[in-house]
Amino acid sequence: MQGRNPKVNAGPEPDVRPKPNAVNVGQKPDTGPEPDVGPKPNAVNAGPEPDAGPELNAVNVGRSPMQ
């Protein structure tokens, strides 16, 4: 016969209290604006391309040495 208490075999109760998040507790030490908030230029493609013209196929340029 089982007892009248429904928690006989329920095990330990889970901790339902809200826990503070250790990472987000308090105020951030650096609360100022971000120093680099603007768009960053791509260092590789910042300037005009040196070879902006049509590319030549190096295999088929000029006369073949086998002729």
PDB file of N, CA and C in Angstrom:
ATOM      1  N   MET A   1       0.826  -1.170   0.000  1.00  0.00           N
ATOM      2  CA  MET A   1       0.000   0.000   0.000  1.00  0.00           C
ATOM      3  C   MET A   1       0.879   1.245   0.000  1.00  0.00           C
ATOM      4  N   GLN A   2       0.563   2.159  -0.891  1.00  0.00           N
ATOM      5  CA  GLN A   2       1.351   3.375  -0.981  1.00  0.00           C
ATOM      6  C   GLN A   2       0.849   4.399   0.015  1.00  0.00           C
ATOM      7  N   GLY A   3       1.750   5.272   0.427  1.00  0.00           N
ATOM      8  CA  GLY A   3       1.367   6.326   1.358  1.00  0.00           C
ATOM      9  C   GLY A   3       0.573   7.416   0.665  1.00  0.00           C
ATOM     10  N   ARG A   4       0.020   8.274   1.446  1.00  0.00           N
ATOM     11  CA  ARG A   4      -0.789   9.355   0.890  1.00  0.00           C
ATOM     12  C   ARG A   4       0.055  10.530   0.409  1.00  0.00           C
ATOM     13  N   ASN A   5       1.300  10.552   0.745  1.00  0.00           N
ATOM     14  CA  ASN A   5       2.170  11.654   0.332  1.00  0.00           C
ATOM     15  C   ASN A   5       2.620  11.401  -1.106  1.00  0.00           C
ATOM     16  N   PRO A   6       2.280  12.264  -2.060  1.00  0.00           N
ATOM     17  CA  PRO A   6       2.672  12.015  -3.457  1.00  0.00           C
ATOM     18  C   PRO A   6       4.164  12.196  -3.703  1.00  0.00           C
ATOM     19  N   LYS A   7       4.913  12.758  -2.754  1.00  0.00           N
ATOM     20  CA  LYS A   7       6.336  13.004  -2.958  1.00  0.00           C
ATOM     21  C   LYS A   7       7.216  11.940  -2.308  1.00  0.00           C
ATOM     22  N   VAL A   8       6.681  10.758  -2.063  1.00  0.00           N
ATOM     23  CA  VAL A   8       7.458   9.730  -1.379  1.00  0.00           C
ATOM     24  C   VAL A   8       8.664   9.333  -2.212  1.00  0.00           C
ATOM     25  N   ASN A   9       8.470   9.076  -3.501  1.00  0.00           N
ATOM     26  CA  ASN A   9       9.563   8.643  -4.363  1.00  0.00           C
ATOM     27  C   ASN A   9       9.915   9.689  -5.417  1.00  0.00           C
ATOM     28  N   ALA A  10       9.620  10.930  -5.139  1.00  0.00           N
ATOM     29  CA  ALA A  10       9.852  11.968  -6.140  1.00  0.00           C
ATOM     30  C   ALA A  10      11.308  12.393  -6.213  1.00  0.00           C
ATOM     31  N   GLY A  11      12.108  12.097  -5.214  1.00  0.00           N
ATOM     32  CA  GLY A  11      13.496  12.513  -5.223  1.00  0.00           C
ATOM     33  C   GLY A  11      13.637  13.945  -4.737  1.00  0.00           C
ATOM     34  N   PRO A  12      14.824  14.496  -4.807  1.00  0.00           N
ATOM     35  CA  PRO A  12      15.025  15.872  -4.323  1.00  0.00           C
ATOM     36  C   PRO A  12      14.313  16.877  -5.223  1.00  0.00           C
ATOM     37  N   GLU A  13      13.801  17.928  -4.616  1.00  0.00           N
ATOM     38  CA  GLU A  13      13.116  18.949  -5.408  1.00  0.00           C
ATOM     39  C   GLU A  13      14.139  19.777  -6.179  1.00  0.00           C
ATOM     40  N   PRO A  14      13.828  20.125  -7.397  1.00  0.00           N
ATOM     41  CA  PRO A  14      14.760  20.982  -8.146  1.00  0.00           C
ATOM     42  C   PRO A  14      14.776  22.382  -7.556  1.00  0.00           C
ATOM     43  N   ASP A  15      15.887  23.050  -7.701  1.00  0.00           N
ATOM     44  CA  ASP A  15      16.021  24.407  -7.186  1.00  0.00           C
ATOM     45  C   ASP A  15      15.337  25.345  -8.168  1.00  0.00           C
ATOM     46  N   VAL A  16      14.170  25.843  -7.789  1.00  0.00           N
ATOM     47  CA  VAL A  16      13.381  26.656  -8.705  1.00  0.00           C
ATOM     48  C   VAL A  16      13.628  28.147  -8.516  1.00  0.00           C
ATOM     49  N   ARG A  17      14.486  28.507  -7.601  1.00  0.00           N
ATOM     50  CA  ARG A  17      14.778  29.925  -7.392  1.00  0.00           C
ATOM     51  C   ARG A  17      15.581  30.467  -8.572  1.00  0.00           C
ATOM     52  N   PRO A  18      15.380  31.724  -8.931  1.00  0.00           N
ATOM     53  CA  PRO A  18      16.178  32.295 -10.022  1.00  0.00           C
ATOM     54  C   PRO A  18      17.632  32.447  -9.599  1.00  0.00           C
ATOM     55  N   LYS A  19      18.521  32.048 -10.470  1.00  0.00           N
ATOM     56  CA  LYS A  19      19.948  32.139 -10.181  1.00  0.00           C
ATOM     57  C   LYS A  19      20.545  33.283 -10.991  1.00  0.00           C
ATOM     58  N   PRO A  20      21.409  34.062 -10.392  1.00  0.00           N
ATOM     59  CA  PRO A  20      22.042  35.138 -11.166  1.00  0.00           C
ATOM     60  C   PRO A  20      23.034  34.561 -12.164  1.00  0.00           C
ATOM     61  N   ASN A  21      23.091  35.171 -13.314  1.00  0.00           N
ATOM     62  CA  ASN A  21      24.048  34.738 -14.324  1.00  0.00           C
ATOM     63  C   ASN A  21      25.397  35.348 -13.969  1.00  0.00           C
ATOM     64  N   ALA A  22      26.391  34.520 -13.737  1.00  0.00           N
ATOM     65  CA  ALA A  22      27.686  35.016 -13.282  1.00  0.00           C
ATOM     66  C   ALA A  22      28.356  35.902 -14.323  1.00  0.00           C
ATOM     67  N   VAL A  23      28.063  35.697 -15.593  1.00  0.00           N
ATOM     68  CA  VAL A  23      28.690  36.496 -16.638  1.00  0.00           C
ATOM     69  C   VAL A  23      28.080  37.889 -16.700  1.00  0.00           C
ATOM     70  N   ASN A  24      26.765  37.981 -16.504  1.00  0.00           N
ATOM     71  CA  ASN A  24      26.073  39.251 -16.689  1.00  0.00           C
ATOM     72  C   ASN A  24      25.665  39.934 -15.386  1.00  0.00           C
ATOM     73  N   VAL A  25      26.314  39.613 -14.293  1.00  0.00           N
ATOM     74  CA  VAL A  25      25.961  40.239 -13.021  1.00  0.00           C
ATOM     75  C   VAL A  25      26.637  41.593 -12.936  1.00  0.00           C
ATOM     76  N   GLY A  26      25.882  42.609 -12.629  1.00  0.00           N
ATOM     77  CA  GLY A  26      26.440  43.946 -12.467  1.00  0.00           C
ATOM     78  C   GLY A  26      26.623  44.659 -13.793  1.00  0.00           C
ATOM     79  N   GLN A  27      27.299  45.781 -13.710  1.00  0.00           N
ATOM     80  CA  GLN A  27      27.504  46.621 -14.886  1.00  0.00           C
ATOM     81  C   GLN A  27      28.841  46.294 -15.529  1.00  0.00           C
ATOM     82  N   LYS A  28      28.919  46.410 -16.830  1.00  0.00           N
ATOM     83  CA  LYS A  28      30.166  46.149 -17.525  1.00  0.00           C
ATOM     84  C   LYS A  28      31.187  47.225 -17.156  1.00  0.00           C
ATOM     85  N   PRO A  29      32.447  46.863 -17.003  1.00  0.00           N
ATOM     86  CA  PRO A  29      33.444  47.891 -16.685  1.00  0.00           C
ATOM     87  C   PRO A  29      33.669  48.862 -17.839  1.00  0.00           C
ATOM     88  N   ASP A  30      33.527  48.410 -19.077  1.00  0.00           N
ATOM     89  CA  ASP A  30      33.725  49.280 -20.238  1.00  0.00           C
ATOM     90  C   ASP A  30      32.357  49.600 -20.822  1.00  0.00           C
ATOM     91  N   THR A  31      31.703  50.629 -20.289  1.00  0.00           N
ATOM     92  CA  THR A  31      30.354  50.952 -20.736  1.00  0.00           C
ATOM     93  C   THR A  31      30.339  52.061 -21.775  1.00  0.00           C
ATOM     94  N   GLY A  32      31.483  52.541 -22.204  1.00  0.00           N
ATOM     95  CA  GLY A  32      31.541  53.601 -23.212  1.00  0.00           C
ATOM     96  C   GLY A  32      31.212  53.070 -24.593  1.00  0.00           C
ATOM     97  N   PRO A  33      31.154  53.961 -25.585  1.00  0.00           N
ATOM     98  CA  PRO A  33      30.864  53.511 -26.955  1.00  0.00           C
ATOM     99  C   PRO A  33      32.012  52.690 -27.519  1.00  0.00           C
ATOM    100  N   GLU A  34      31.685  51.824 -28.431  1.00  0.00           N
ATOM    101  CA  GLU A  34      32.698  51.000 -29.081  1.00  0.00           C
ATOM    102  C   GLU A  34      33.640  51.891 -29.892  1.00  0.00           C
ATOM    103  N   PRO A  35      34.943  51.669 -29.834  1.00  0.00           N
ATOM    104  CA  PRO A  35      35.861  52.530 -30.595  1.00  0.00           C
ATOM    105  C   PRO A  35      35.778  52.324 -32.104  1.00  0.00           C
ATOM    106  N   ASP A  36      35.503  51.113 -32.555  1.00  0.00           N
ATOM    107  CA  ASP A  36      35.445  50.813 -33.986  1.00  0.00           C
ATOM    108  C   ASP A  36      34.015  50.484 -34.380  1.00  0.00           C
ATOM    109  N   VAL A  37      33.144  51.478 -34.381  1.00  0.00           N
ATOM    110  CA  VAL A  37      31.753  51.208 -34.708  1.00  0.00           C
ATOM    111  C   VAL A  37      31.458  51.407 -36.189  1.00  0.00           C
ATOM    112  N   GLY A  38      32.339  52.037 -36.933  1.00  0.00           N
ATOM    113  CA  GLY A  38      32.108  52.276 -38.355  1.00  0.00           C
ATOM    114  C   GLY A  38      32.483  51.070 -39.193  1.00  0.00           C
ATOM    115  N   PRO A  39      32.121  51.090 -40.465  1.00  0.00           N
ATOM    116  CA  PRO A  39      32.504  49.980 -41.346  1.00  0.00           C
ATOM    117  C   PRO A  39      34.003  49.990 -41.596  1.00  0.00           C
ATOM    118  N   LYS A  40      34.593  48.823 -41.603  1.00  0.00           N
ATOM    119  CA  LYS A  40      36.029  48.721 -41.829  1.00  0.00           C
ATOM    120  C   LYS A  40      36.283  48.453 -43.313  1.00  0.00           C
ATOM    121  N   PRO A  41      37.225  49.163 -43.918  1.00  0.00           N
ATOM    122  CA  PRO A  41      37.544  48.868 -45.322  1.00  0.00           C
ATOM    123  C   PRO A  41      38.292  47.547 -45.426  1.00  0.00           C
ATOM    124  N   ASN A  42      38.089  46.880 -46.516  1.00  0.00           N
ATOM    125  CA  ASN A  42      38.794  45.632 -46.752  1.00  0.00           C
ATOM    126  C   ASN A  42      40.211  45.986 -47.181  1.00  0.00           C
ATOM    127  N   ALA A  43      41.201  45.564 -46.410  1.00  0.00           N
ATOM    128  CA  ALA A  43      42.576  45.960 -46.681  1.00  0.00           C
ATOM    129  C   ALA A  43      43.061  45.423 -48.027  1.00  0.00           C
ATOM    130  N   VAL A  44      42.560  44.291 -48.465  1.00  0.00           N
ATOM    131  CA  VAL A  44      42.997  43.714 -49.735  1.00  0.00           C
ATOM    132  C   VAL A  44      42.386  44.480 -50.904  1.00  0.00           C
ATOM    133  N   ASN A  45      41.114  44.848 -50.804  1.00  0.00           N
ATOM    134  CA  ASN A  45      40.415  45.487 -51.911  1.00  0.00           C
ATOM    135  C   ASN A  45      40.127  46.963 -51.656  1.00  0.00           C
ATOM    136  N   ALA A  46      40.974  47.638 -50.861  1.00  0.00           N
ATOM    137  CA  ALA A  46      40.692  49.027 -50.517  1.00  0.00           C
ATOM    138  C   ALA A  46      40.918  49.953 -51.707  1.00  0.00           C
ATOM    139  N   GLY A  47      41.879  49.670 -52.542  1.00  0.00           N
ATOM    140  CA  GLY A  47      42.186  50.542 -53.674  1.00  0.00           C
ATOM    141  C   GLY A  47      41.727  49.942 -54.986  1.00  0.00           C
ATOM    142  N   PRO A  48      42.007  50.646 -56.090  1.00  0.00           N
ATOM    143  CA  PRO A  48      41.651  50.083 -57.403  1.00  0.00           C
ATOM    144  C   PRO A  48      42.511  48.865 -57.718  1.00  0.00           C
ATOM    145  N   GLU A  49      41.965  47.979 -58.501  1.00  0.00           N
ATOM    146  CA  GLU A  49      42.714  46.775 -58.856  1.00  0.00           C
ATOM    147  C   GLU A  49      43.818  47.132 -59.848  1.00  0.00           C
ATOM    148  N   PRO A  50      45.017  46.596 -59.666  1.00  0.00           N
ATOM    149  CA  PRO A  50      46.098  46.921 -60.600  1.00  0.00           C
ATOM    150  C   PRO A  50      45.869  46.344 -61.994  1.00  0.00           C
ATOM    151  N   ASP A  51      45.271  45.174 -62.078  1.00  0.00           N
ATOM    152  CA  ASP A  51      45.007  44.547 -63.369  1.00  0.00           C
ATOM    153  C   ASP A  51      43.510  44.574 -63.627  1.00  0.00           C
ATOM    154  N   ALA A  52      42.967  45.760 -63.897  1.00  0.00           N
ATOM    155  CA  ALA A  52      41.527  45.883 -64.073  1.00  0.00           C
ATOM    156  C   ALA A  52      41.085  45.525 -65.486  1.00  0.00           C
ATOM    157  N   GLY A  53      42.011  45.399 -66.400  1.00  0.00           N
ATOM    158  CA  GLY A  53      41.669  45.082 -67.781  1.00  0.00           C
ATOM    159  C   GLY A  53      41.313  43.619 -67.952  1.00  0.00           C
ATOM    160  N   PRO A  54      40.964  43.227 -69.180  1.00  0.00           N
ATOM    161  CA  PRO A  54      40.628  41.820 -69.417  1.00  0.00           C
ATOM    162  C   PRO A  54      41.858  40.937 -69.239  1.00  0.00           C
ATOM    163  N   GLU A  55      41.669  39.800 -68.616  1.00  0.00           N
ATOM    164  CA  GLU A  55      42.786  38.894 -68.391  1.00  0.00           C
ATOM    165  C   GLU A  55      43.024  38.051 -69.640  1.00  0.00           C
ATOM    166  N   LEU A  56      44.278  37.816 -69.929  1.00  0.00           N
ATOM    167  CA  LEU A  56      44.639  36.995 -71.078  1.00  0.00           C
ATOM    168  C   LEU A  56      44.896  35.574 -70.600  1.00  0.00           C
ATOM    169  N   ASN A  57      44.532  34.636 -71.419  1.00  0.00           N
ATOM    170  CA  ASN A  57      44.781  33.250 -71.079  1.00  0.00           C
ATOM    171  C   ASN A  57      46.245  32.962 -71.375  1.00  0.00           C
ATOM    172  N   ALA A  58      47.025  32.693 -70.341  1.00  0.00           N
ATOM    173  CA  ALA A  58      48.463  32.527 -70.508  1.00  0.00           C
ATOM    174  C   ALA A  58      48.801  31.320 -71.376  1.00  0.00           C
ATOM    175  N   VAL A  59      47.933  30.337 -71.454  1.00  0.00           N
ATOM    176  CA  VAL A  59      48.209  29.149 -72.253  1.00  0.00           C
ATOM    177  C   VAL A  59      48.073  29.464 -73.735  1.00  0.00           C
ATOM    178  N   ASN A  60      47.112  30.306 -74.111  1.00  0.00           N
ATOM    179  CA  ASN A  60      46.834  30.547 -75.518  1.00  0.00           C
ATOM    180  C   ASN A  60      47.326  31.901 -76.021  1.00  0.00           C
ATOM    181  N   VAL A  61      48.223  32.559 -75.311  1.00  0.00           N
ATOM    182  CA  VAL A  61      48.727  33.854 -75.761  1.00  0.00           C
ATOM    183  C   VAL A  61      49.927  33.618 -76.676  1.00  0.00           C
ATOM    184  N   GLY A  62      49.880  34.237 -77.825  1.00  0.00           N
ATOM    185  CA  GLY A  62      51.013  34.145 -78.751  1.00  0.00           C
ATOM    186  C   GLY A  62      51.095  32.800 -79.454  1.00  0.00           C
ATOM    187  N   ARG A  63      52.241  32.566 -80.031  1.00  0.00           N
ATOM    188  CA  ARG A  63      52.464  31.363 -80.819  1.00  0.00           C
ATOM    189  C   ARG A  63      52.888  30.204 -79.924  1.00  0.00           C
ATOM    190  N   SER A  64      52.439  29.034 -80.224  1.00  0.00           N
ATOM    191  CA  SER A  64      52.794  27.867 -79.439  1.00  0.00           C
ATOM    192  C   SER A  64      54.237  27.474 -79.717  1.00  0.00           C
ATOM    193  N   PRO A  65      55.022  27.148 -78.718  1.00  0.00           N
ATOM    194  CA  PRO A  65      56.414  26.744 -78.967  1.00  0.00           C
ATOM    195  C   PRO A  65      56.521  25.388 -79.651  1.00  0.00           C
ATOM    196  N   MET A  66      55.442  24.640 -79.739  1.00  0.00           N
ATOM    197  CA  MET A  66      55.472  23.327 -80.366  1.00  0.00           C
ATOM    198  C   MET A  66      55.319  23.408 -81.879  1.00  0.00           C
ATOM    199  N   GLN A  67      55.083  24.598 -82.456  1.00  0.00           N
ATOM    200  CA  GLN A  67      54.900  24.678 -83.912  1.00  0.00           C
ATOM    201  C   GLN A  67      56.182  25.008 -84.608  1.00  0.00           C
TER     202      GLN A  67
END
